[in-house]
């Protein structure tokens, strides 16, 4: 008996997602070569955490674009989030966080532990209570976090498994880690870019503090 396999069904893409693809493509063409951005598709894909073919498919409208990716693209290309999501019901969750103006937050830490004083950075995002930034001044976390960027830290939200968090050792250097598991006061974390590097955080150790959840990066 011959079994004939049915051809794989194509995933349907909503009209809102197709429109979002068109808008992102227009913003990409307009902004990619601006001073301070200067991105190829490969560089953009790395910063967004996707492959270059996937980013190309986003521009071409052949894959669905989720709201979190829209937030990342708006930050990467430094464009108005409201202009991207306006009128699209599929992305209405982003309407409430669409900023009208930029805000300044203090840069209070560096990854290396070098002192920083009086520095601020402007971010285009919704207000995060008591947010601060940490300066990326090492190459340890490239390409996810690159030298000269600022990671935005939310110190108040309860972190959970899957979150990327900022961990400070004493009054010195900081680590960026992804929470793998939480067992009482013992938190297992792993390095965000290097496979096999794990760190166990003992929350009872007064020399180690989890300073907050990383909410994004200011390029």
N, C-alpha and C. Protein backbone atom coordinates (compact mmCIF):
# COMPACT_ATOMS: atom_id res chain seq x y z
N UNK A 1 0.84 -1.19 0.00
CA UNK A 1 0.00 0.00 0.00
C UNK A 1 0.88 1.24 0.00
N UNK A 2 0.58 2.13 -0.86
CA UNK A 2 1.34 3.38 -0.95
C UNK A 2 0.68 4.46 -0.11
N UNK A 3 1.48 5.07 0.75
CA UNK A 3 0.99 6.16 1.60
C UNK A 3 1.48 7.48 1.03
N UNK A 4 0.55 8.31 0.70
CA UNK A 4 0.90 9.62 0.16
C UNK A 4 0.82 10.66 1.26
N UNK A 5 1.94 11.34 1.48
CA UNK A 5 1.97 12.37 2.51
C UNK A 5 1.34 13.65 1.99
N UNK A 6 0.52 14.23 2.83
CA UNK A 6 -0.08 15.51 2.46
C UNK A 6 0.99 16.60 2.53
N UNK A 7 0.95 17.54 1.60
CA UNK A 7 1.94 18.63 1.64
C UNK A 7 1.77 19.45 2.91
N UNK A 8 2.90 19.94 3.47
CA UNK A 8 2.79 20.73 4.70
C UNK A 8 1.96 21.98 4.48
N UNK A 9 1.14 22.28 5.46
CA UNK A 9 0.30 23.47 5.34
C UNK A 9 1.09 24.72 5.71
N UNK A 10 0.89 25.76 4.93
CA UNK A 10 1.55 27.02 5.21
C UNK A 10 0.84 27.72 6.36
N UNK A 11 1.64 28.27 7.27
CA UNK A 11 1.06 29.02 8.38
C UNK A 11 0.52 30.34 7.84
N UNK A 12 -0.74 30.61 8.15
CA UNK A 12 -1.33 31.85 7.67
C UNK A 12 -0.79 33.03 8.46
N UNK A 13 -0.60 34.13 7.79
CA UNK A 13 -0.09 35.36 8.40
C UNK A 13 -1.19 36.40 8.36
N UNK A 14 -1.49 36.97 9.50
CA UNK A 14 -2.59 37.92 9.60
C UNK A 14 -2.31 39.19 8.81
N UNK A 15 -3.37 39.90 8.49
CA UNK A 15 -3.22 41.16 7.76
C UNK A 15 -2.47 42.19 8.61
N UNK A 16 -2.69 42.16 9.94
CA UNK A 16 -1.96 43.09 10.82
C UNK A 16 -0.47 42.80 10.81
N UNK A 17 -0.11 41.51 10.81
CA UNK A 17 1.31 41.15 10.79
C UNK A 17 1.94 41.53 9.45
N UNK A 18 1.22 41.37 8.37
CA UNK A 18 1.72 41.78 7.06
C UNK A 18 1.93 43.29 7.01
N UNK A 19 0.99 44.03 7.60
CA UNK A 19 1.14 45.49 7.65
C UNK A 19 2.32 45.88 8.53
N UNK A 20 2.51 45.16 9.64
CA UNK A 20 3.66 45.43 10.50
C UNK A 20 4.96 45.19 9.76
N UNK A 21 5.01 44.12 8.98
CA UNK A 21 6.19 43.83 8.17
C UNK A 21 6.48 44.99 7.21
N UNK A 22 5.43 45.50 6.59
CA UNK A 22 5.61 46.63 5.66
C UNK A 22 6.15 47.86 6.39
N UNK A 23 5.61 48.13 7.58
CA UNK A 23 6.05 49.31 8.34
C UNK A 23 7.49 49.17 8.80
N UNK A 24 7.83 47.97 9.28
CA UNK A 24 9.21 47.75 9.72
C UNK A 24 10.18 47.88 8.55
N UNK A 25 9.79 47.37 7.40
CA UNK A 25 10.63 47.49 6.21
C UNK A 25 10.87 48.95 5.85
N UNK A 26 9.82 49.77 5.92
CA UNK A 26 9.97 51.20 5.61
C UNK A 26 10.90 51.88 6.60
N UNK A 27 10.74 51.55 7.89
CA UNK A 27 11.59 52.14 8.92
C UNK A 27 13.03 51.66 8.75
N UNK A 28 13.19 50.39 8.43
CA UNK A 28 14.52 49.82 8.21
C UNK A 28 15.24 50.55 7.08
N UNK A 29 14.57 50.75 5.97
CA UNK A 29 15.19 51.43 4.84
C UNK A 29 15.55 52.88 5.17
N UNK A 30 14.70 53.52 5.99
CA UNK A 30 14.92 54.93 6.30
C UNK A 30 16.00 55.13 7.36
N UNK A 31 16.14 54.18 8.29
CA UNK A 31 16.99 54.41 9.46
C UNK A 31 18.28 53.61 9.52
N UNK A 32 18.42 52.56 8.72
CA UNK A 32 19.54 51.63 8.93
C UNK A 32 20.91 52.26 8.74
N UNK A 33 21.01 53.32 7.94
CA UNK A 33 22.30 53.94 7.68
C UNK A 33 22.52 55.24 8.43
N UNK A 34 21.60 55.57 9.34
CA UNK A 34 21.74 56.81 10.10
C UNK A 34 22.93 56.72 11.06
N UNK A 35 23.47 57.89 11.37
CA UNK A 35 24.59 57.96 12.31
C UNK A 35 24.21 57.34 13.63
N UNK A 36 25.08 56.48 14.14
CA UNK A 36 24.82 55.83 15.42
C UNK A 36 24.06 54.52 15.31
N UNK A 37 23.54 54.22 14.09
CA UNK A 37 22.83 52.95 13.88
C UNK A 37 23.67 52.06 12.96
N UNK A 38 23.78 52.44 11.70
CA UNK A 38 24.67 51.80 10.73
C UNK A 38 24.62 50.27 10.82
N UNK A 39 23.51 49.70 10.37
CA UNK A 39 23.29 48.26 10.51
C UNK A 39 23.17 47.56 9.16
N UNK A 40 23.80 46.40 9.06
CA UNK A 40 23.49 45.46 8.00
C UNK A 40 22.39 44.54 8.51
N UNK A 41 21.81 43.74 7.64
CA UNK A 41 20.81 42.77 8.09
C UNK A 41 21.42 41.79 9.09
N UNK A 42 22.67 41.40 8.85
CA UNK A 42 23.32 40.45 9.75
C UNK A 42 23.49 41.05 11.15
N UNK A 43 23.95 42.31 11.22
CA UNK A 43 24.14 42.97 12.52
C UNK A 43 22.81 43.15 13.23
N UNK A 44 21.78 43.54 12.47
CA UNK A 44 20.45 43.72 13.08
C UNK A 44 19.94 42.41 13.64
N UNK A 45 20.12 41.33 12.89
CA UNK A 45 19.64 40.02 13.34
C UNK A 45 20.32 39.60 14.64
N UNK A 46 21.62 39.82 14.72
CA UNK A 46 22.37 39.45 15.93
C UNK A 46 21.83 40.21 17.14
N UNK A 47 21.60 41.51 16.96
CA UNK A 47 21.12 42.32 18.09
C UNK A 47 19.69 41.96 18.49
N UNK A 48 18.92 41.47 17.54
CA UNK A 48 17.54 41.08 17.85
C UNK A 48 17.45 39.64 18.35
N UNK A 49 18.55 38.91 18.27
CA UNK A 49 18.54 37.53 18.74
C UNK A 49 17.91 36.55 17.78
N UNK A 50 17.93 36.88 16.47
CA UNK A 50 17.39 35.98 15.45
C UNK A 50 18.46 35.76 14.39
N UNK A 51 18.19 34.84 13.47
CA UNK A 51 19.13 34.62 12.37
C UNK A 51 18.90 35.66 11.27
N UNK A 52 19.89 35.83 10.42
CA UNK A 52 19.74 36.77 9.31
C UNK A 52 18.60 36.36 8.36
N UNK A 53 18.47 35.06 8.03
CA UNK A 53 17.32 34.66 7.20
C UNK A 53 15.98 34.98 7.86
N UNK A 54 15.88 34.81 9.18
CA UNK A 54 14.64 35.13 9.88
C UNK A 54 14.34 36.63 9.80
N UNK A 55 15.36 37.46 9.97
CA UNK A 55 15.16 38.90 9.88
C UNK A 55 14.72 39.28 8.47
N UNK A 56 15.31 38.65 7.47
CA UNK A 56 14.93 38.90 6.09
C UNK A 56 13.47 38.52 5.85
N UNK A 57 13.02 37.40 6.45
CA UNK A 57 11.63 36.98 6.32
C UNK A 57 10.68 37.96 7.00
N UNK A 58 11.14 38.55 8.12
CA UNK A 58 10.33 39.58 8.77
C UNK A 58 10.12 40.76 7.84
N UNK A 59 11.17 41.17 7.15
CA UNK A 59 11.06 42.30 6.23
C UNK A 59 10.19 41.95 5.02
N UNK A 60 10.23 40.69 4.63
CA UNK A 60 9.51 40.27 3.42
C UNK A 60 8.07 39.85 3.71
N UNK A 61 7.67 39.80 4.99
CA UNK A 61 6.30 39.44 5.32
C UNK A 61 5.99 37.97 5.19
N UNK A 62 7.00 37.11 5.36
CA UNK A 62 6.76 35.67 5.24
C UNK A 62 6.72 34.96 6.59
N UNK A 63 6.91 35.71 7.69
CA UNK A 63 6.74 35.16 9.03
C UNK A 63 5.93 36.15 9.86
N UNK A 64 5.23 35.65 10.85
CA UNK A 64 4.48 36.52 11.75
C UNK A 64 5.44 37.24 12.69
N UNK A 65 5.09 38.46 13.05
CA UNK A 65 5.93 39.27 13.93
C UNK A 65 5.20 39.48 15.25
N UNK A 66 5.76 38.98 16.34
CA UNK A 66 5.08 39.10 17.63
C UNK A 66 5.35 40.46 18.27
N UNK A 67 4.53 40.87 19.24
CA UNK A 67 4.67 42.19 19.85
C UNK A 67 6.04 42.45 20.48
N UNK A 68 6.63 41.43 21.14
CA UNK A 68 7.92 41.64 21.77
C UNK A 68 9.00 41.95 20.74
N UNK A 69 8.89 41.35 19.56
CA UNK A 69 9.85 41.63 18.51
C UNK A 69 9.68 43.06 18.01
N UNK A 70 8.44 43.54 17.96
CA UNK A 70 8.18 44.92 17.55
C UNK A 70 8.86 45.89 18.51
N UNK A 71 8.76 45.62 19.82
CA UNK A 71 9.44 46.46 20.81
C UNK A 71 10.95 46.49 20.56
N UNK A 72 11.52 45.33 20.30
CA UNK A 72 12.97 45.25 20.07
C UNK A 72 13.37 46.00 18.81
N UNK A 73 12.58 45.87 17.75
CA UNK A 73 12.89 46.56 16.50
C UNK A 73 12.80 48.07 16.68
N UNK A 74 11.78 48.53 17.39
CA UNK A 74 11.62 49.97 17.62
C UNK A 74 12.82 50.53 18.37
N UNK A 75 13.31 49.79 19.36
CA UNK A 75 14.49 50.22 20.11
C UNK A 75 15.73 50.20 19.25
N UNK A 76 15.89 49.13 18.47
CA UNK A 76 17.06 48.99 17.62
C UNK A 76 17.17 50.10 16.60
N UNK A 77 16.05 50.42 15.94
CA UNK A 77 16.05 51.41 14.87
C UNK A 77 15.71 52.82 15.37
N UNK A 78 15.49 52.94 16.69
CA UNK A 78 15.23 54.24 17.31
C UNK A 78 14.07 54.96 16.62
N UNK A 79 12.99 54.23 16.48
CA UNK A 79 11.83 54.80 15.81
C UNK A 79 10.66 54.90 16.77
N UNK A 80 9.65 55.62 16.39
CA UNK A 80 8.47 55.85 17.21
C UNK A 80 7.62 54.59 17.26
N UNK A 81 7.51 54.00 18.44
CA UNK A 81 6.72 52.77 18.58
C UNK A 81 5.27 53.01 18.20
N UNK A 82 4.75 54.18 18.55
CA UNK A 82 3.36 54.50 18.22
C UNK A 82 3.09 54.46 16.74
N UNK A 83 4.07 54.92 15.95
CA UNK A 83 3.90 54.92 14.49
C UNK A 83 3.87 53.50 13.95
N UNK A 84 4.58 52.58 14.61
CA UNK A 84 4.59 51.19 14.15
C UNK A 84 3.28 50.47 14.46
N UNK A 85 2.73 50.71 15.65
CA UNK A 85 1.59 49.90 16.08
C UNK A 85 0.24 50.57 15.88
N UNK A 86 0.23 51.86 15.52
CA UNK A 86 -1.02 52.59 15.40
C UNK A 86 -2.02 51.93 14.46
N UNK A 87 -3.25 51.70 14.96
CA UNK A 87 -4.32 51.16 14.14
C UNK A 87 -4.31 49.66 13.96
N UNK A 88 -3.34 48.96 14.55
CA UNK A 88 -3.25 47.50 14.39
C UNK A 88 -3.70 46.81 15.67
N UNK A 89 -4.87 46.18 15.62
CA UNK A 89 -5.45 45.56 16.80
C UNK A 89 -4.60 44.42 17.35
N UNK A 90 -3.89 43.72 16.49
CA UNK A 90 -3.07 42.61 16.93
C UNK A 90 -1.94 43.06 17.86
N UNK A 91 -1.60 44.34 17.78
CA UNK A 91 -0.52 44.89 18.58
C UNK A 91 -1.02 45.90 19.60
N UNK A 92 -2.31 45.81 19.94
CA UNK A 92 -2.89 46.81 20.83
C UNK A 92 -2.29 46.76 22.23
N UNK A 93 -1.68 45.61 22.60
CA UNK A 93 -1.03 45.53 23.89
C UNK A 93 0.12 46.52 24.00
N UNK A 94 0.66 46.93 22.85
CA UNK A 94 1.78 47.87 22.86
C UNK A 94 1.33 49.32 22.90
N UNK A 95 0.03 49.57 22.65
CA UNK A 95 -0.44 50.95 22.62
C UNK A 95 -0.18 51.65 23.95
N UNK A 96 -0.39 50.92 25.05
CA UNK A 96 -0.26 51.52 26.37
C UNK A 96 1.19 51.84 26.73
N UNK A 97 2.15 51.14 26.12
CA UNK A 97 3.55 51.38 26.46
C UNK A 97 4.24 52.26 25.44
N UNK A 98 3.50 52.71 24.43
CA UNK A 98 4.10 53.56 23.43
C UNK A 98 4.46 54.91 24.04
N UNK A 99 5.75 55.28 24.03
CA UNK A 99 6.16 56.51 24.68
C UNK A 99 5.83 57.73 23.84
N UNK A 100 5.56 58.85 24.49
CA UNK A 100 5.34 60.11 23.79
C UNK A 100 6.61 60.94 23.79
N UNK A 101 7.45 60.74 24.79
CA UNK A 101 8.73 61.45 24.88
C UNK A 101 9.78 60.51 25.43
N UNK A 102 11.02 60.89 25.26
CA UNK A 102 12.09 60.10 25.85
C UNK A 102 12.23 60.48 27.32
N UNK A 103 12.78 59.58 28.11
CA UNK A 103 13.03 59.87 29.51
C UNK A 103 14.49 59.60 29.81
N UNK A 104 15.00 60.26 30.83
CA UNK A 104 16.37 60.05 31.25
C UNK A 104 16.40 59.15 32.48
N UNK A 105 17.32 58.19 32.49
CA UNK A 105 17.52 57.37 33.67
C UNK A 105 19.00 57.42 34.02
N UNK A 106 19.34 57.28 35.29
CA UNK A 106 20.75 57.37 35.68
C UNK A 106 21.53 56.12 35.30
N UNK A 107 22.77 56.31 34.93
CA UNK A 107 23.70 55.19 34.73
C UNK A 107 24.46 55.06 36.04
N UNK A 108 24.15 54.04 36.82
CA UNK A 108 24.70 53.95 38.18
C UNK A 108 25.78 52.89 38.34
N UNK A 109 25.88 51.94 37.37
CA UNK A 109 26.86 50.87 37.48
C UNK A 109 27.54 50.61 36.15
N UNK A 110 28.69 49.95 36.22
CA UNK A 110 29.34 49.42 35.03
C UNK A 110 29.56 47.92 35.26
N UNK A 111 29.64 47.15 34.19
CA UNK A 111 29.86 45.72 34.36
C UNK A 111 31.21 45.43 35.00
N UNK A 112 32.22 46.23 34.66
CA UNK A 112 33.57 45.98 35.17
C UNK A 112 33.74 46.39 36.62
N UNK A 113 32.79 47.19 37.13
CA UNK A 113 32.92 47.68 38.49
C UNK A 113 33.57 49.03 38.60
N UNK A 114 33.96 49.62 37.45
CA UNK A 114 34.55 50.95 37.48
C UNK A 114 33.50 51.96 37.95
N UNK A 115 33.92 52.96 38.72
CA UNK A 115 32.94 53.94 39.22
C UNK A 115 32.36 54.80 38.10
N UNK A 116 31.12 55.20 38.27
CA UNK A 116 30.46 56.10 37.32
C UNK A 116 29.67 57.11 38.12
N UNK A 117 29.69 58.37 37.71
CA UNK A 117 29.04 59.42 38.48
C UNK A 117 28.45 60.48 37.56
N UNK A 118 27.18 60.78 37.80
CA UNK A 118 26.54 61.88 37.08
C UNK A 118 26.15 61.59 35.65
N UNK A 119 26.27 60.34 35.21
CA UNK A 119 25.94 60.01 33.82
C UNK A 119 24.48 59.59 33.71
N UNK A 120 23.82 59.98 32.64
CA UNK A 120 22.45 59.55 32.38
C UNK A 120 22.36 59.09 30.93
N UNK A 121 21.31 58.35 30.62
CA UNK A 121 21.05 57.96 29.24
C UNK A 121 19.58 58.14 28.96
N UNK A 122 19.26 58.53 27.73
CA UNK A 122 17.87 58.71 27.34
C UNK A 122 17.34 57.42 26.73
N UNK A 123 16.13 57.05 27.12
CA UNK A 123 15.52 55.86 26.56
C UNK A 123 14.12 56.19 26.07
N UNK A 124 13.70 55.51 25.02
CA UNK A 124 12.34 55.62 24.50
C UNK A 124 11.59 54.37 24.93
N UNK A 125 10.92 54.44 26.06
CA UNK A 125 10.19 53.29 26.57
C UNK A 125 9.14 53.77 27.55
N UNK A 126 8.28 52.86 27.99
CA UNK A 126 7.33 53.23 29.02
C UNK A 126 8.07 53.37 30.34
N UNK A 127 7.51 54.13 31.25
CA UNK A 127 8.18 54.40 32.51
C UNK A 127 8.30 53.14 33.35
N UNK A 128 9.51 52.89 33.85
CA UNK A 128 9.77 51.79 34.77
C UNK A 128 10.20 52.43 36.07
N UNK A 129 9.43 52.21 37.13
CA UNK A 129 9.70 52.87 38.39
C UNK A 129 11.11 52.54 38.91
N UNK A 130 11.85 53.58 39.21
CA UNK A 130 13.20 53.49 39.77
C UNK A 130 14.19 52.78 38.84
N UNK A 131 13.93 52.81 37.54
CA UNK A 131 14.83 52.19 36.58
C UNK A 131 16.18 52.88 36.58
N UNK A 132 17.22 52.10 36.30
CA UNK A 132 18.55 52.66 36.13
C UNK A 132 19.25 51.87 35.02
N UNK A 133 20.42 52.34 34.63
CA UNK A 133 21.14 51.67 33.55
C UNK A 133 22.51 51.23 34.03
N UNK A 134 22.99 50.14 33.45
CA UNK A 134 24.36 49.70 33.70
C UNK A 134 25.12 49.79 32.38
N UNK A 135 26.30 50.38 32.43
CA UNK A 135 27.10 50.55 31.23
C UNK A 135 27.81 49.25 30.87
N UNK A 136 27.67 48.84 29.62
CA UNK A 136 28.35 47.64 29.14
C UNK A 136 29.75 48.06 28.73
N UNK A 137 30.73 47.78 29.58
CA UNK A 137 32.11 48.21 29.29
C UNK A 137 33.07 47.04 29.18
N UNK A 138 32.52 45.84 28.87
CA UNK A 138 33.33 44.67 28.57
C UNK A 138 32.76 44.02 27.31
N UNK A 139 33.52 43.11 26.75
CA UNK A 139 33.07 42.39 25.54
C UNK A 139 32.56 40.99 25.87
N UNK A 140 32.40 40.69 27.15
CA UNK A 140 32.06 39.33 27.57
C UNK A 140 30.73 38.84 27.03
N UNK A 141 29.77 39.75 26.84
CA UNK A 141 28.41 39.34 26.49
C UNK A 141 28.04 39.64 25.04
N UNK A 142 29.02 40.05 24.23
CA UNK A 142 28.76 40.27 22.81
C UNK A 142 28.43 38.92 22.16
N UNK A 143 27.53 38.90 21.18
CA UNK A 143 26.89 40.05 20.53
C UNK A 143 25.57 40.48 21.16
N UNK A 144 25.14 39.84 22.25
CA UNK A 144 23.84 40.22 22.83
C UNK A 144 23.92 41.59 23.49
N UNK A 145 24.99 41.83 24.22
CA UNK A 145 25.21 43.14 24.84
C UNK A 145 26.60 43.60 24.41
N UNK A 146 26.67 44.73 23.73
CA UNK A 146 27.92 45.17 23.13
C UNK A 146 28.53 46.34 23.88
N UNK A 147 29.84 46.42 23.82
CA UNK A 147 30.60 47.47 24.48
C UNK A 147 30.06 48.85 24.07
N UNK A 148 29.79 49.69 25.07
CA UNK A 148 29.28 51.03 24.80
C UNK A 148 27.77 51.15 24.90
N UNK A 149 27.05 50.03 25.03
CA UNK A 149 25.61 50.06 25.20
C UNK A 149 25.25 50.18 26.68
N UNK A 150 23.95 50.40 26.94
CA UNK A 150 23.46 50.50 28.31
C UNK A 150 22.30 49.52 28.48
N UNK A 151 22.41 48.64 29.46
CA UNK A 151 21.30 47.73 29.78
C UNK A 151 20.37 48.43 30.75
N UNK A 152 19.06 48.39 30.46
CA UNK A 152 18.06 49.05 31.30
C UNK A 152 17.60 48.06 32.37
N UNK A 153 17.70 48.45 33.62
CA UNK A 153 17.43 47.54 34.73
C UNK A 153 16.15 47.96 35.46
N UNK A 154 15.26 47.00 35.63
CA UNK A 154 14.03 47.18 36.41
C UNK A 154 14.28 46.54 37.78
N UNK A 155 14.47 47.37 38.84
CA UNK A 155 14.84 46.82 40.14
C UNK A 155 13.68 46.33 41.00
N UNK A 156 12.45 46.59 40.59
CA UNK A 156 11.30 46.32 41.45
C UNK A 156 10.51 45.08 41.07
N UNK A 157 10.46 44.74 39.78
CA UNK A 157 9.68 43.58 39.34
C UNK A 157 10.31 42.29 39.85
N UNK A 158 9.49 41.38 40.35
CA UNK A 158 9.98 40.09 40.83
C UNK A 158 10.51 39.28 39.66
N UNK A 159 11.77 38.90 39.72
CA UNK A 159 12.35 38.13 38.62
C UNK A 159 11.97 36.66 38.76
N UNK A 160 12.01 35.95 37.63
CA UNK A 160 11.57 34.56 37.58
C UNK A 160 12.39 33.81 36.56
N UNK A 161 12.14 32.51 36.46
CA UNK A 161 12.88 31.66 35.52
C UNK A 161 12.73 32.20 34.11
N UNK A 162 13.85 32.31 33.41
CA UNK A 162 13.87 32.83 32.05
C UNK A 162 14.29 34.28 31.95
N UNK A 163 14.18 35.02 33.06
CA UNK A 163 14.59 36.43 33.07
C UNK A 163 16.11 36.55 32.99
N UNK A 164 16.55 37.60 32.31
CA UNK A 164 17.96 37.98 32.37
C UNK A 164 18.09 39.02 33.47
N UNK A 165 19.02 38.79 34.39
CA UNK A 165 19.14 39.64 35.57
C UNK A 165 20.56 40.16 35.70
N UNK A 166 20.67 41.27 36.43
CA UNK A 166 21.97 41.84 36.75
C UNK A 166 22.35 41.43 38.16
N UNK A 167 23.49 40.77 38.29
CA UNK A 167 23.96 40.31 39.59
C UNK A 167 25.22 41.09 39.95
N UNK A 168 25.26 41.64 41.16
CA UNK A 168 26.45 42.38 41.59
C UNK A 168 27.17 41.63 42.69
N UNK A 169 28.49 41.58 42.56
CA UNK A 169 29.33 40.91 43.55
C UNK A 169 29.93 41.98 44.46
N UNK A 170 29.49 42.01 45.71
CA UNK A 170 29.98 43.02 46.63
C UNK A 170 29.68 44.41 46.11
N UNK A 171 30.70 45.27 46.12
CA UNK A 171 30.57 46.62 45.59
C UNK A 171 31.38 46.77 44.31
N UNK A 172 31.64 45.64 43.65
CA UNK A 172 32.49 45.68 42.48
C UNK A 172 31.78 45.34 41.19
N UNK A 173 32.31 44.35 40.49
CA UNK A 173 31.85 44.01 39.15
C UNK A 173 30.44 43.40 39.16
N UNK A 174 29.81 43.44 37.99
CA UNK A 174 28.46 42.88 37.82
C UNK A 174 28.49 41.75 36.80
N UNK A 175 27.55 40.86 36.92
CA UNK A 175 27.37 39.76 35.98
C UNK A 175 25.99 39.86 35.37
N UNK A 176 25.86 39.45 34.12
CA UNK A 176 24.55 39.28 33.50
C UNK A 176 24.30 37.78 33.41
N UNK A 177 23.19 37.34 33.97
CA UNK A 177 22.89 35.92 33.99
C UNK A 177 21.41 35.68 33.67
N UNK A 178 21.12 34.49 33.14
CA UNK A 178 19.75 34.06 32.87
C UNK A 178 19.33 33.09 33.97
N UNK A 179 18.19 33.34 34.59
CA UNK A 179 17.73 32.49 35.68
C UNK A 179 17.25 31.14 35.12
N UNK A 180 17.89 30.06 35.58
CA UNK A 180 17.54 28.71 35.12
C UNK A 180 16.55 28.04 36.06
N UNK A 181 16.76 28.19 37.36
CA UNK A 181 15.86 27.57 38.34
C UNK A 181 16.00 28.29 39.67
N UNK A 182 14.94 28.20 40.46
CA UNK A 182 14.93 28.82 41.79
C UNK A 182 14.48 27.77 42.80
N UNK A 183 15.32 27.51 43.78
CA UNK A 183 15.01 26.52 44.82
C UNK A 183 15.28 27.16 46.18
N UNK A 184 14.25 27.80 46.72
CA UNK A 184 14.44 28.50 47.98
C UNK A 184 15.38 29.68 47.81
N UNK A 185 16.46 29.68 48.57
CA UNK A 185 17.45 30.75 48.49
C UNK A 185 18.57 30.44 47.50
N UNK A 186 18.46 29.31 46.80
CA UNK A 186 19.47 28.93 45.81
C UNK A 186 18.93 29.16 44.40
N UNK A 187 19.62 30.01 43.65
CA UNK A 187 19.20 30.33 42.29
C UNK A 187 20.29 29.87 41.32
N UNK A 188 19.93 29.00 40.39
CA UNK A 188 20.87 28.54 39.37
C UNK A 188 20.71 29.43 38.14
N UNK A 189 21.81 29.94 37.65
CA UNK A 189 21.77 30.82 36.47
C UNK A 189 22.78 30.34 35.44
N UNK A 190 22.60 30.81 34.20
CA UNK A 190 23.59 30.49 33.17
C UNK A 190 23.95 31.75 32.39
N UNK A 191 25.09 31.70 31.75
CA UNK A 191 25.60 32.81 30.95
C UNK A 191 24.70 33.01 29.73
N UNK A 192 24.38 34.25 29.36
CA UNK A 192 23.45 34.46 28.24
C UNK A 192 24.01 34.15 26.86
N UNK A 193 25.34 34.07 26.72
CA UNK A 193 25.90 33.84 25.39
C UNK A 193 26.90 32.69 25.32
N UNK A 194 27.41 32.23 26.46
CA UNK A 194 28.41 31.16 26.47
C UNK A 194 27.80 29.90 27.06
N UNK A 195 27.72 28.86 26.26
CA UNK A 195 27.13 27.59 26.71
C UNK A 195 28.02 26.94 27.76
N UNK A 196 27.41 26.41 28.81
CA UNK A 196 28.16 25.66 29.81
C UNK A 196 28.66 26.48 30.99
N UNK A 197 28.47 27.79 30.94
CA UNK A 197 28.90 28.65 32.05
C UNK A 197 27.70 28.91 32.95
N UNK A 198 27.74 28.35 34.16
CA UNK A 198 26.63 28.52 35.09
C UNK A 198 27.14 29.11 36.40
N UNK A 199 26.25 29.78 37.10
CA UNK A 199 26.59 30.40 38.38
C UNK A 199 25.45 30.13 39.36
N UNK A 200 25.80 29.66 40.55
CA UNK A 200 24.81 29.46 41.60
C UNK A 200 24.84 30.67 42.53
N UNK A 201 23.66 31.27 42.71
CA UNK A 201 23.55 32.45 43.57
C UNK A 201 22.88 32.04 44.87
N UNK A 202 23.57 32.29 45.96
CA UNK A 202 23.03 32.04 47.29
C UNK A 202 22.46 33.36 47.81
N UNK A 203 21.14 33.46 47.86
CA UNK A 203 20.50 34.71 48.24
C UNK A 203 20.74 35.08 49.70
N UNK A 204 21.26 34.14 50.49
CA UNK A 204 21.58 34.46 51.88
C UNK A 204 22.97 35.07 52.01
N UNK A 205 23.74 35.06 50.93
CA UNK A 205 25.09 35.65 50.94
C UNK A 205 24.97 37.17 50.82
N UNK A 206 25.35 37.92 51.84
CA UNK A 206 25.18 39.37 51.80
C UNK A 206 26.08 40.07 50.79
N UNK A 207 27.07 39.36 50.24
CA UNK A 207 27.98 39.99 49.27
C UNK A 207 27.45 39.89 47.84
N UNK A 208 26.35 39.14 47.65
CA UNK A 208 25.80 38.96 46.30
C UNK A 208 24.38 39.51 46.27
N UNK A 209 24.10 40.37 45.29
CA UNK A 209 22.75 40.93 45.16
C UNK A 209 22.28 40.84 43.72
N UNK A 210 21.01 40.48 43.55
CA UNK A 210 20.38 40.55 42.23
C UNK A 210 19.76 41.94 42.12
N UNK A 211 20.33 42.79 41.26
CA UNK A 211 19.92 44.19 41.23
C UNK A 211 18.64 44.43 40.46
N UNK A 212 18.26 43.51 39.56
CA UNK A 212 17.02 43.70 38.85
C UNK A 212 16.98 42.95 37.52
N UNK A 213 15.81 43.02 36.88
CA UNK A 213 15.59 42.36 35.59
C UNK A 213 16.02 43.32 34.46
N UNK A 214 16.69 42.76 33.46
CA UNK A 214 17.09 43.56 32.31
C UNK A 214 15.89 43.67 31.37
N UNK A 215 15.47 44.92 31.12
CA UNK A 215 14.27 45.18 30.31
C UNK A 215 14.58 45.57 28.88
N UNK A 216 15.81 45.81 28.57
CA UNK A 216 16.16 46.20 27.20
C UNK A 216 17.54 46.81 27.17
N UNK A 217 17.92 47.26 25.98
CA UNK A 217 19.25 47.84 25.78
C UNK A 217 19.11 49.15 25.03
N UNK A 218 19.84 50.16 25.50
CA UNK A 218 19.93 51.42 24.78
C UNK A 218 21.20 51.38 23.95
N UNK A 219 21.02 51.42 22.60
CA UNK A 219 22.18 51.29 21.73
C UNK A 219 22.90 52.63 21.60
